[in-house]
C-alpha atoms as a PDB file:
ATOM      1  CA  MET A   1      46.013  33.810 -60.214  1.00  0.00           C
ATOM      2  CA  ARG A   2      44.806  32.950 -56.709  1.00  0.00           C
ATOM      3  CA  TYR A   3      48.235  31.340 -56.014  1.00  0.00           C
ATOM      4  CA  ILE A   4      50.120  34.467 -57.096  1.00  0.00           C
ATOM      5  CA  PHE A   5      47.840  36.607 -54.932  1.00  0.00           C
ATOM      6  CA  SER A   6      48.464  34.388 -51.913  1.00  0.00           C
ATOM      7  CA  VAL A   7      52.241  34.480 -52.400  1.00  0.00           C
ATOM      8  CA  ALA A   8      52.096  38.272 -52.629  1.00  0.00           C
ATOM      9  CA  ILE A   9      50.218  38.491 -49.326  1.00  0.00           C
ATOM     10  CA  ILE A  10      52.749  36.214 -47.639  1.00  0.00           C
ATOM     11  CA  LEU A  11      55.661  38.329 -48.964  1.00  0.00           C
ATOM     12  CA  LEU A  12      54.037  41.511 -47.731  1.00  0.00           C
ATOM     13  CA  SER A  13      53.487  39.955 -44.334  1.00  0.00           C
ATOM     14  CA  LEU A  14      57.114  38.897 -44.128  1.00  0.00           C
ATOM     15  CA  ILE A  15      58.261  42.411 -45.096  1.00  0.00           C
ATOM     16  CA  GLY A  16      56.020  43.865 -42.434  1.00  0.00           C
ATOM     17  CA  CYS A  17      57.428  41.512 -39.788  1.00  0.00           C
ATOM     18  CA  SER A  18      60.979  42.348 -40.862  1.00  0.00           C
ATOM     19  CA  THR A  19      60.293  46.060 -40.557  1.00  0.00           C
ATOM     20  CA  ASP A  20      58.897  45.631 -37.025  1.00  0.00           C
ATOM     21  CA  THR A  21      62.062  43.853 -35.918  1.00  0.00           C
ATOM     22  CA  GLU A  22      64.149  46.760 -37.179  1.00  0.00           C
ATOM     23  CA  MET A  23      62.292  49.288 -35.063  1.00  0.00           C
ATOM     24  CA  MET A  24      62.601  50.345 -31.441  1.00  0.00           C
ATOM     25  CA  ASN A  25      59.027  50.411 -30.142  1.00  0.00           C
ATOM     26  CA  LEU A  26      59.363  52.510 -26.999  1.00  0.00           C
ATOM     27  CA  THR A  27      56.420  52.778 -24.662  1.00  0.00           C
ATOM     28  CA  GLY A  28      56.247  54.215 -21.193  1.00  0.00           C
ATOM     29  CA  THR A  29      54.615  56.335 -18.532  1.00  0.00           C
ATOM     30  CA  VAL A  30      55.568  59.572 -16.801  1.00  0.00           C
ATOM     31  CA  LYS A  31      53.413  59.662 -13.699  1.00  0.00           C
ATOM     32  CA  GLY A  32      52.369  63.200 -12.784  1.00  0.00           C
ATOM     33  CA  LEU A  33      52.854  64.607 -16.304  1.00  0.00           C
ATOM     34  CA  LYS A  34      49.491  65.905 -17.523  1.00  0.00           C
ATOM     35  CA  LYS A  35      50.591  68.420 -20.150  1.00  0.00           C
ATOM     36  CA  GLY A  36      53.923  68.881 -21.892  1.00  0.00           C
ATOM     37  CA  THR A  37      56.161  67.461 -24.610  1.00  0.00           C
ATOM     38  CA  LEU A  38      58.477  64.463 -24.538  1.00  0.00           C
ATOM     39  CA  LEU A  39      61.575  64.742 -26.743  1.00  0.00           C
ATOM     40  CA  LEU A  40      63.486  61.697 -27.997  1.00  0.00           C
ATOM     41  CA  GLN A  41      67.049  62.750 -28.771  1.00  0.00           C
ATOM     42  CA  LYS A  42      70.462  61.412 -29.717  1.00  0.00           C
ATOM     43  CA  PHE A  43      73.850  62.733 -30.796  1.00  0.00           C
ATOM     44  CA  GLU A  44      74.558  63.033 -34.497  1.00  0.00           C
ATOM     45  CA  ASP A  45      78.283  63.731 -34.795  1.00  0.00           C
ATOM     46  CA  THR A  46      78.643  66.106 -31.842  1.00  0.00           C
ATOM     47  CA  VAL A  47      75.196  67.699 -32.011  1.00  0.00           C
ATOM     48  CA  LEU A  48      72.248  66.617 -29.819  1.00  0.00           C
ATOM     49  CA  VAL A  49      69.230  66.429 -32.134  1.00  0.00           C
ATOM     50  CA  THR A  50      65.573  65.675 -31.597  1.00  0.00           C
ATOM     51  CA  VAL A  51      64.591  62.665 -33.664  1.00  0.00           C
ATOM     52  CA  ASP A  52      60.972  62.564 -32.521  1.00  0.00           C
ATOM     53  CA  SER A  53      58.603  64.219 -30.052  1.00  0.00           C
ATOM     54  CA  ILE A  54      55.132  63.653 -28.646  1.00  0.00           C
ATOM     55  CA  VAL A  55      52.696  66.041 -27.009  1.00  0.00           C
ATOM     56  CA  VAL A  56      51.276  64.821 -23.693  1.00  0.00           C
ATOM     57  CA  ASP A  57      47.786  66.058 -22.984  1.00  0.00           C
ATOM     58  CA  GLY A  58      45.868  64.333 -20.196  1.00  0.00           C
ATOM     59  CA  THR A  59      47.471  60.910 -20.254  1.00  0.00           C
ATOM     60  CA  PRO A  60      50.967  60.188 -18.895  1.00  0.00           C
ATOM     61  CA  ASP A  61      51.538  57.336 -21.380  1.00  0.00           C
ATOM     62  CA  PHE A  62      53.704  57.722 -24.453  1.00  0.00           C
ATOM     63  CA  THR A  63      54.844  55.719 -27.506  1.00  0.00           C
ATOM     64  CA  PHE A  64      57.799  56.237 -29.858  1.00  0.00           C
ATOM     65  CA  SER A  65      58.778  54.196 -32.906  1.00  0.00           C
ATOM     66  CA  GLU A  66      62.326  54.726 -34.091  1.00  0.00           C
ATOM     67  CA  LYS A  67      64.667  52.787 -36.353  1.00  0.00           C
ATOM     68  CA  VAL A  68      67.945  52.366 -34.515  1.00  0.00           C
ATOM     69  CA  GLU A  69      70.734  51.718 -37.009  1.00  0.00           C
ATOM     70  CA  SER A  70      72.928  50.254 -34.310  1.00  0.00           C
ATOM     71  CA  PRO A  71      72.335  50.049 -30.518  1.00  0.00           C
ATOM     72  CA  GLU A  72      73.320  53.424 -29.099  1.00  0.00           C
ATOM     73  CA  ILE A  73      72.640  55.975 -26.366  1.00  0.00           C
ATOM     74  CA  TYR A  74      69.387  57.938 -26.654  1.00  0.00           C
ATOM     75  CA  TYR A  75      67.942  60.589 -24.373  1.00  0.00           C
ATOM     76  CA  LEU A  76      64.430  61.363 -23.237  1.00  0.00           C
ATOM     77  CA  TYR A  77      63.715  64.958 -22.172  1.00  0.00           C
ATOM     78  CA  VAL A  78      60.469  66.523 -20.957  1.00  0.00           C
ATOM     79  CA  ARG A  79      59.377  70.064 -21.773  1.00  0.00           C
ATOM     80  CA  LEU A  80      56.716  71.356 -19.437  1.00  0.00           C
ATOM     81  CA  LYS A  81      53.605  73.149 -20.691  1.00  0.00           C
ATOM     82  CA  ASP A  82      55.197  76.539 -19.803  1.00  0.00           C
ATOM     83  CA  GLY A  83      58.112  75.738 -22.147  1.00  0.00           C
ATOM     84  CA  THR A  84      60.611  74.846 -19.451  1.00  0.00           C
ATOM     85  CA  LEU A  85      62.997  72.048 -20.486  1.00  0.00           C
ATOM     86  CA  ARG A  86      63.855  69.838 -17.519  1.00  0.00           C
ATOM     87  CA  ASP A  87      67.579  69.230 -16.938  1.00  0.00           C
ATOM     88  CA  ASP A  88      67.187  65.712 -15.545  1.00  0.00           C
ATOM     89  CA  ARG A  89      67.026  63.775 -18.765  1.00  0.00           C
ATOM     90  CA  ILE A  90      66.743  59.986 -19.042  1.00  0.00           C
ATOM     91  CA  THR A  91      69.794  58.351 -20.646  1.00  0.00           C
ATOM     92  CA  PHE A  92      69.274  54.857 -22.058  1.00  0.00           C
ATOM     93  CA  PHE A  93      70.779  52.377 -24.472  1.00  0.00           C
ATOM     94  CA  ALA A  94      68.319  52.037 -27.354  1.00  0.00           C
ATOM     95  CA  GLU A  95      67.895  48.811 -29.306  1.00  0.00           C
ATOM     96  CA  ASN A  96      65.595  47.665 -32.094  1.00  0.00           C
ATOM     97  CA  ARG A  97      63.133  45.846 -29.920  1.00  0.00           C
ATOM     98  CA  PRO A  98      60.138  46.594 -27.649  1.00  0.00           C
ATOM     99  CA  MET A  99      61.335  48.818 -24.793  1.00  0.00           C
ATOM    100  CA  ASN A 100      59.592  50.400 -21.864  1.00  0.00           C
ATOM    101  CA  ILE A 101      60.438  53.317 -19.566  1.00  0.00           C
ATOM    102  CA  GLN A 102      58.582  54.016 -16.300  1.00  0.00           C
ATOM    103  CA  THR A 103      59.269  57.195 -14.336  1.00  0.00           C
ATOM    104  CA  ASN A 104      57.598  60.146 -12.648  1.00  0.00           C
ATOM    105  CA  LEU A 105      57.684  63.869 -13.252  1.00  0.00           C
ATOM    106  CA  LYS A 106      59.151  64.778  -9.846  1.00  0.00           C
ATOM    107  CA  ASN A 107      62.247  62.566 -10.247  1.00  0.00           C
ATOM    108  CA  PHE A 108      62.180  62.238 -14.003  1.00  0.00           C
ATOM    109  CA  GLY A 109      65.759  61.107 -14.591  1.00  0.00           C
ATOM    110  CA  SER A 110      66.715  59.408 -11.360  1.00  0.00           C
ATOM    111  CA  ALA A 111      63.482  57.390 -10.980  1.00  0.00           C
ATOM    112  CA  ALA A 112      63.509  55.990 -14.510  1.00  0.00           C
ATOM    113  CA  ILE A 113      63.252  52.183 -14.929  1.00  0.00           C
ATOM    114  CA  VAL A 114      64.230  50.991 -18.399  1.00  0.00           C
ATOM    115  CA  LYS A 115      63.270  47.531 -19.623  1.00  0.00           C
ATOM    116  CA  GLY A 116      63.861  45.637 -22.861  1.00  0.00           C
ATOM    117  CA  SER A 117      67.494  46.522 -23.613  1.00  0.00           C
ATOM    118  CA  SER A 118      70.322  44.121 -22.754  1.00  0.00           C
ATOM    119  CA  ASN A 119      72.892  46.861 -23.309  1.00  0.00           C
ATOM    120  CA  ASP A 120      71.047  49.207 -20.972  1.00  0.00           C
ATOM    121  CA  SER A 121      70.909  46.593 -18.207  1.00  0.00           C
ATOM    122  CA  ILE A 122      74.681  46.076 -18.503  1.00  0.00           C
ATOM    123  CA  LEU A 123      75.258  49.826 -18.513  1.00  0.00           C
ATOM    124  CA  LYS A 124      73.234  50.223 -15.316  1.00  0.00           C
ATOM    125  CA  THR A 125      75.379  47.490 -13.686  1.00  0.00           C
ATOM    126  CA  TYR A 126      78.486  49.417 -14.662  1.00  0.00           C
ATOM    127  CA  ASP A 127      77.019  52.678 -13.301  1.00  0.00           C
ATOM    128  CA  LYS A 128      76.624  51.059  -9.879  1.00  0.00           C
ATOM    129  CA  LEU A 129      80.212  49.848 -10.029  1.00  0.00           C
ATOM    130  CA  LYS A 130      81.374  53.317 -11.062  1.00  0.00           C
ATOM    131  CA  GLN A 131      79.717  54.976  -8.057  1.00  0.00           C
ATOM    132  CA  ARG A 132      82.368  53.650  -5.674  1.00  0.00           C
ATOM    133  CA  TYR A 133      85.027  55.572  -7.627  1.00  0.00           C
ATOM    134  CA  VAL A 134      82.874  58.662  -7.818  1.00  0.00           C
ATOM    135  CA  ALA A 135      82.342  58.583  -4.031  1.00  0.00           C
ATOM    136  CA  LYS A 136      86.054  58.062  -3.342  1.00  0.00           C
ATOM    137  CA  ASN A 137      86.999  60.902  -5.663  1.00  0.00           C
ATOM    138  CA  LEU A 138      84.618  63.260  -3.908  1.00  0.00           C
ATOM    139  CA  GLU A 139      86.250  62.256  -0.640  1.00  0.00           C
ATOM    140  CA  TYR A 140      89.675  63.136  -2.055  1.00  0.00           C
ATOM    141  CA  ILE A 141      88.373  66.459  -3.360  1.00  0.00           C
ATOM    142  CA  GLU A 142      87.113  67.333   0.109  1.00  0.00           C
ATOM    143  CA  GLN A 143      90.464  66.419   1.591  1.00  0.00           C
ATOM    144  CA  GLY A 144      92.191  68.526  -1.036  1.00  0.00           C
ATOM    145  CA  PHE A 145      90.036  71.515  -0.140  1.00  0.00           C
ATOM    146  CA  LYS A 146      91.024  71.201   3.548  1.00  0.00           C
ATOM    147  CA  LEU A 147      94.703  70.798   2.663  1.00  0.00           C
ATOM    148  CA  SER A 148      94.631  73.898   0.471  1.00  0.00           C
ATOM    149  CA  LYS A 149      94.406  75.904   3.644  1.00  0.00           C
ATOM    150  CA  LYS A 150      97.533  74.277   5.064  1.00  0.00           C
ATOM    151  CA  ASN A 151     101.185  74.433   4.050  1.00  0.00           C
ATOM    152  CA  ASN A 152     101.870  70.708   4.012  1.00  0.00           C
ATOM    153  CA  ASP A 153     103.338  69.744   0.634  1.00  0.00           C
ATOM    154  CA  SER A 154     103.961  66.089   1.599  1.00  0.00           C
ATOM    155  CA  LEU A 155     100.285  65.522   2.413  1.00  0.00           C
ATOM    156  CA  LYS A 156      99.261  67.234  -0.821  1.00  0.00           C
ATOM    157  CA  MET A 157     101.643  65.062  -2.857  1.00  0.00           C
ATOM    158  CA  ASP A 158     100.364  61.938  -1.105  1.00  0.00           C
ATOM    159  CA  LEU A 159      96.742  62.903  -1.890  1.00  0.00           C
ATOM    160  CA  ASN A 160      97.675  63.555  -5.514  1.00  0.00           C
ATOM    161  CA  ARG A 161      99.182  60.043  -5.757  1.00  0.00           C
ATOM    162  CA  LYS A 162      96.013  58.565  -4.330  1.00  0.00           C
ATOM    163  CA  GLN A 163      93.891  60.441  -6.869  1.00  0.00           C
ATOM    164  CA  GLN A 164      96.059  59.288  -9.781  1.00  0.00           C
ATOM    165  CA  SER A 165      95.919  55.694  -8.470  1.00  0.00           C
ATOM    166  CA  LEU A 166      92.118  55.918  -8.234  1.00  0.00           C
ATOM    167  CA  ILE A 167      91.926  57.047 -11.873  1.00  0.00           C
ATOM    168  CA  SER A 168      94.186  54.200 -13.000  1.00  0.00           C
ATOM    169  CA  THR A 169      92.117  51.672 -11.042  1.00  0.00           C
ATOM    170  CA  LYS A 170      88.898  52.998 -12.536  1.00  0.00           C
ATOM    171  CA  TYR A 171      90.348  52.648 -16.039  1.00  0.00           C
ATOM    172  CA  LEU A 172      91.426  49.088 -15.422  1.00  0.00           C
ATOM    173  CA  THR A 173      88.067  48.220 -13.905  1.00  0.00           C
ATOM    174  CA  THR A 174      86.258  49.690 -16.953  1.00  0.00           C
ATOM    175  CA  ILE A 175      88.534  47.810 -19.360  1.00  0.00           C
ATOM    176  CA  ASN A 176      87.955  44.533 -17.499  1.00  0.00           C
ATOM    177  CA  PHE A 177      84.205  45.171 -17.472  1.00  0.00           C
ATOM    178  CA  ALA A 178      84.225  45.807 -21.230  1.00  0.00           C
ATOM    179  CA  LEU A 179      86.169  42.626 -21.867  1.00  0.00           C
ATOM    180  CA  ASN A 180      83.632  40.654 -19.813  1.00  0.00           C
ATOM    181  CA  ASN A 181      80.866  42.120 -22.022  1.00  0.00           C
ATOM    182  CA  LYS A 182      82.621  42.017 -25.411  1.00  0.00           C
ATOM    183  CA  ASP A 183      79.542  40.619 -27.139  1.00  0.00           C
ATOM    184  CA  TYR A 184      77.569  43.777 -26.487  1.00  0.00           C
ATOM    185  CA  GLU A 185      77.680  47.266 -27.974  1.00  0.00           C
ATOM    186  CA  VAL A 186      78.026  48.734 -24.502  1.00  0.00           C
ATOM    187  CA  ALA A 187      81.647  47.471 -24.381  1.00  0.00           C
ATOM    188  CA  PRO A 188      83.147  49.918 -26.942  1.00  0.00           C
ATOM    189  CA  TYR A 189      80.822  52.634 -25.651  1.00  0.00           C
ATOM    190  CA  LEU A 190      82.255  52.369 -22.146  1.00  0.00           C
ATOM    191  CA  ILE A 191      85.824  52.547 -23.457  1.00  0.00           C
ATOM    192  CA  LEU A 192      84.999  55.670 -25.462  1.00  0.00           C
ATOM    193  CA  SER A 193      83.126  57.372 -22.619  1.00  0.00           C
ATOM    194  CA  GLU A 194      84.969  56.204 -19.504  1.00  0.00           C
ATOM    195  CA  ALA A 195      88.468  54.952 -20.364  1.00  0.00           C
ATOM    196  CA  TYR A 196      89.562  56.871 -23.507  1.00  0.00           C
ATOM    197  CA  ASN A 197      92.620  58.306 -21.699  1.00  0.00           C
ATOM    198  CA  SER A 198      93.997  54.928 -20.694  1.00  0.00           C
ATOM    199  CA  ASN A 199      97.023  53.370 -22.404  1.00  0.00           C
ATOM    200  CA  VAL A 200      96.280  52.707 -26.057  1.00  0.00           C
ATOM    201  CA  LYS A 201      97.468  49.119 -25.722  1.00  0.00           C
ATOM    202  CA  TYR A 202      94.493  48.474 -23.419  1.00  0.00           C
ATOM    203  CA  LEU A 203      92.116  50.080 -25.935  1.00  0.00           C
ATOM    204  CA  ASP A 204      93.565  47.749 -28.562  1.00  0.00           C
ATOM    205  CA  THR A 205      93.058  44.740 -26.288  1.00  0.00           C
ATOM    206  CA  VAL A 206      89.380  45.519 -25.898  1.00  0.00           C
ATOM    207  CA  TYR A 207      88.827  46.239 -29.600  1.00  0.00           C
ATOM    208  CA  ASN A 208      90.517  43.022 -30.689  1.00  0.00           C
ATOM    209  CA  ALA A 209      88.378  41.031 -28.236  1.00  0.00           C
ATOM    210  CA  LEU A 210      85.093  42.407 -29.570  1.00  0.00           C
ATOM    211  CA  ALA A 211      82.737  40.087 -31.447  1.00  0.00           C
ATOM    212  CA  PRO A 212      82.675  40.811 -35.227  1.00  0.00           C
ATOM    213  CA  LYS A 213      79.163  42.345 -35.120  1.00  0.00           C
ATOM    214  CA  ILE A 214      80.232  44.637 -32.256  1.00  0.00           C
ATOM    215  CA  LYS A 215      83.247  45.822 -34.232  1.00  0.00           C
ATOM    216  CA  ASP A 216      80.820  46.674 -37.029  1.00  0.00           C
ATOM    217  CA  SER A 217      78.480  48.621 -34.706  1.00  0.00           C
ATOM    218  CA  LYS A 218      78.358  52.401 -34.274  1.00  0.00           C
ATOM    219  CA  TYR A 219      80.576  52.417 -31.210  1.00  0.00           C
ATOM    220  CA  GLY A 220      82.787  49.640 -32.513  1.00  0.00           C
ATOM    221  CA  LYS A 221      83.661  51.724 -35.555  1.00  0.00           C
ATOM    222  CA  GLU A 222      84.136  54.829 -33.443  1.00  0.00           C
ATOM    223  CA  LEU A 223      86.504  52.943 -31.140  1.00  0.00           C
ATOM    224  CA  GLU A 224      88.550  51.695 -34.093  1.00  0.00           C
ATOM    225  CA  SER A 225      88.819  55.222 -35.483  1.00  0.00           C
ATOM    226  CA  PHE A 226      89.738  56.622 -32.061  1.00  0.00           C
ATOM    227  CA  ILE A 227      92.489  54.058 -31.598  1.00  0.00           C
ATOM    228  CA  VAL A 228      94.007  54.945 -34.989  1.00  0.00           C
ATOM    229  CA  LYS A 229      94.054  58.651 -34.016  1.00  0.00           C
ATOM    230  CA  ARG A 230      95.467  57.892 -30.561  1.00  0.00           C
ATOM    231  CA  LYS A 231      98.349  55.858 -32.039  1.00  0.00           C
ATOM    232  CA  LYS A 232      99.234  58.732 -34.403  1.00  0.00           C
ATOM    233  CA  THR A 233      99.051  61.276 -31.601  1.00  0.00           C
ATOM    234  CA  ASP A 234     101.042  59.122 -29.153  1.00  0.00           C
ATOM    235  CA  THR A 235     103.748  58.595 -31.784  1.00  0.00           C
ATOM    236  CA  ILE A 236     103.995  62.338 -32.371  1.00  0.00           C
ATOM    237  CA  LEU A 237     104.266  63.010 -28.683  1.00  0.00           C
END
């Protein structure tokens, strides 16, 4: 009887441990936030939904426990005590593991430091790479605004070629980045969010290079479905 009881305790302990490993235990601090509500959100289909929330009253620390079916993008919003929902949300790649977010109320989104997610670290590296294309595009937009006041079609055509070339280069850079990180869920996510308009053969190349577990992830499945639709659409066109 004592043996059976001991085995039962061990089994329950193992189940408890297994459950913990399937949860994202998110802790963090929002310096300067004394009263308000933190909202943990994600997209379900095309709708942004709140999966959990916590009322902050006196302490800037917070804790969320959420089962993440597959590593994916989550959002953290703050609603102030007067009901105002701040626009500068924190976007992060959630995983089933201990994670931590440190930020402050003044620069809630831009000051956020996320730790504990490999996918999020890779995504942040990509974001830095992406900024060079964003900056160059803004430069071209400014040039276009100045040219709009002039009747110089050749310069306008040249600027348009440069903009199209920049887009193509950004796509190829994104595809190459995804291929270099094919063992992470961030790879199909980047293709879906940053390079979905590129040639379908490149989308195929990335998908076929993905590790089996990544193909079976949320974004892996979405990429597969998107490629199928693109091939049908491209054939029709």
